[in-house]
Amino acid sequence: MPHPRPLSPEERLADAKRLLDLPRIVVICGSTRFMAEMAEAELRETAAGRIVVKPGCDMKSPHELWSDPADAGALKARLDDLHRAKIRLADEVLVVGGYIGESTRAEIAYARSLNRPVRFTHPGVEAPPPAVGP
């Protein structure tokens, strides 16, 4: 009789979530220019019975933690790593806002590489801009 293959870390996490009877976990992604929209999405997702994780820092707003440009670059890299961890933890991704920049596009690609479903508050926003002809 063949031995069953060991579970991957992702499969163990999914099993643990089932055993704990956790609600779906949604990670909010998008430009931090949409922090107010993210708060509204968090409210609606929470009211729908989901656990919500989202960006915790808006580096576009002044704050002493990122006022030094040398510190800001390192912090941005740590925050990007942290957000990818939130995507790994989540069951699905909700992209908020009517604009998708390079960072959000990378988050969407990462989520899809992990087979996470991706929803959008603004359907159609993911479409690339139309090509400009001669």
Protein backbone atom coordinates (compact mmCIF):
# COMPACT_ATOMS: atom_id res chain seq x y z
CA MET A 1 0.00 0.00 0.00
CA PRO A 2 1.58 3.33 -1.03
CA HIS A 3 2.15 5.95 1.61
CA PRO A 4 0.08 9.11 1.26
CA ARG A 5 2.12 12.10 0.24
CA PRO A 6 2.75 14.68 2.95
CA LEU A 7 0.52 17.75 2.86
CA SER A 8 2.00 20.98 1.58
CA PRO A 9 2.07 23.96 3.96
CA GLU A 10 -0.84 25.46 2.00
CA GLU A 11 -2.88 22.27 2.39
CA ARG A 12 -2.09 22.15 6.12
CA LEU A 13 -3.23 25.77 6.47
CA ALA A 14 -6.47 25.04 4.59
CA ASP A 15 -7.09 22.01 6.84
CA ALA A 16 -6.43 24.09 9.97
CA LYS A 17 -8.89 26.75 8.80
CA ARG A 18 -11.54 24.04 8.25
CA LEU A 19 -10.86 22.44 11.64
CA LEU A 20 -11.12 25.84 13.33
CA ASP A 21 -14.32 26.55 11.38
CA LEU A 22 -12.98 29.95 10.35
CA PRO A 23 -15.01 32.21 8.08
CA ARG A 24 -13.54 33.06 4.68
CA ILE A 25 -10.57 35.40 4.88
CA VAL A 26 -10.52 38.27 2.37
CA VAL A 27 -7.45 40.38 1.72
CA ILE A 28 -8.03 43.84 0.33
CA CYS A 29 -5.58 45.03 -2.30
CA GLY A 30 -5.33 48.30 -4.19
CA SER A 31 -3.66 51.65 -4.26
CA THR A 32 -3.46 53.35 -0.87
CA ARG A 33 -5.03 56.38 -2.53
CA PHE A 34 -8.24 54.39 -2.00
CA MET A 35 -7.89 53.97 1.79
CA ALA A 36 -11.41 55.36 2.38
CA GLU A 37 -12.83 52.88 -0.14
CA MET A 38 -10.84 50.10 1.53
CA ALA A 39 -12.40 50.99 4.88
CA GLU A 40 -15.87 50.82 3.28
CA ALA A 41 -15.05 47.47 1.66
CA GLU A 42 -13.76 46.19 5.01
CA LEU A 43 -17.04 47.21 6.64
CA ARG A 44 -19.14 45.48 3.98
CA GLU A 45 -17.03 42.30 3.94
CA THR A 46 -17.08 42.12 7.75
CA ALA A 47 -20.86 42.61 7.81
CA ALA A 48 -21.09 39.72 5.31
CA GLY A 49 -19.31 37.49 7.84
CA ARG A 50 -15.80 37.47 6.43
CA ILE A 51 -12.47 38.07 8.17
CA VAL A 52 -10.76 41.01 6.48
CA VAL A 53 -7.08 41.92 6.24
CA LYS A 54 -5.91 45.00 4.39
CA PRO A 55 -2.97 47.39 4.10
CA GLY A 56 -2.19 48.87 7.49
CA CYS A 57 0.00 51.77 6.35
CA ASP A 58 -0.62 54.53 3.85
CA MET A 59 2.86 55.70 2.96
CA LYS A 60 1.39 58.45 0.77
CA SER A 61 0.25 60.21 3.94
CA PRO A 62 2.90 61.89 6.10
CA HIS A 63 4.06 59.97 9.16
CA GLU A 64 7.24 59.91 11.22
CA LEU A 65 7.78 56.19 10.49
CA TRP A 66 8.54 56.91 6.83
CA SER A 67 9.62 60.54 6.93
CA ASP A 68 13.29 59.61 6.36
CA PRO A 69 13.65 58.48 2.72
CA ALA A 70 16.33 55.94 3.67
CA ASP A 71 13.98 54.31 6.18
CA ALA A 72 10.99 54.59 3.85
CA GLY A 73 12.50 52.35 1.18
CA ALA A 74 13.26 49.57 3.62
CA LEU A 75 9.83 49.90 5.22
CA LYS A 76 8.12 49.72 1.81
CA ALA A 77 9.94 46.45 1.06
CA ARG A 78 8.88 44.99 4.43
CA LEU A 79 5.28 46.10 3.88
CA ASP A 80 5.25 44.49 0.42
CA ASP A 81 6.48 41.21 1.96
CA LEU A 82 3.85 41.49 4.69
CA HIS A 83 1.09 42.05 2.14
CA ARG A 84 2.17 38.98 0.16
CA ALA A 85 1.90 37.02 3.43
CA LYS A 86 -1.64 38.36 3.85
CA ILE A 87 -2.44 37.12 0.33
CA ARG A 88 -1.06 33.66 1.22
CA LEU A 89 -3.23 33.61 4.36
CA ALA A 90 -6.40 34.73 2.57
CA ASP A 91 -8.99 32.63 0.79
CA GLU A 92 -9.72 35.38 -1.74
CA VAL A 93 -8.63 38.84 -2.84
CA LEU A 94 -10.77 41.95 -3.22
CA VAL A 95 -9.21 44.67 -5.36
CA VAL A 96 -10.54 48.10 -4.40
CA GLY A 97 -10.59 51.24 -6.50
CA GLY A 98 -10.86 52.38 -10.06
CA TYR A 99 -7.12 52.30 -10.79
CA ILE A 100 -4.62 49.45 -10.81
CA GLY A 101 -0.97 50.39 -10.64
CA GLU A 102 2.15 48.29 -10.89
CA SER A 103 2.11 47.12 -7.23
CA THR A 104 -1.54 46.09 -7.32
CA ARG A 105 -1.05 44.36 -10.66
CA ALA A 106 1.81 42.36 -9.09
CA GLU A 107 -0.41 41.47 -6.10
CA ILE A 108 -3.14 40.22 -8.45
CA ALA A 109 -0.62 38.11 -10.37
CA TYR A 110 0.74 36.70 -7.09
CA ALA A 111 -2.77 35.87 -5.84
CA ARG A 112 -3.62 34.13 -9.09
CA SER A 113 -0.35 32.17 -8.98
CA LEU A 114 -1.65 30.82 -5.64
CA ASN A 115 -5.07 30.08 -7.19
CA ARG A 116 -6.81 32.68 -5.03
CA PRO A 117 -10.05 34.03 -6.50
CA VAL A 118 -9.83 37.75 -7.26
CA ARG A 119 -12.83 40.09 -7.11
CA PHE A 120 -12.98 43.77 -8.07
CA THR A 121 -15.04 46.63 -6.67
CA HIS A 122 -14.83 48.23 -10.12
CA PRO A 123 -15.44 45.51 -12.73
CA GLY A 124 -13.46 46.07 -15.89
CA VAL A 125 -10.68 47.99 -14.13
CA GLU A 126 -8.29 45.11 -14.67
CA ALA A 127 -8.41 45.43 -18.45
CA PRO A 128 -5.17 46.88 -19.81
CA PRO A 129 -5.37 50.36 -21.27
CA PRO A 130 -6.18 50.46 -25.00
CA ALA A 131 -3.20 50.46 -27.33
CA VAL A 132 -2.39 53.85 -28.76
CA GLY A 133 -2.08 53.70 -32.54
CA PRO A 134 0.09 55.80 -34.84
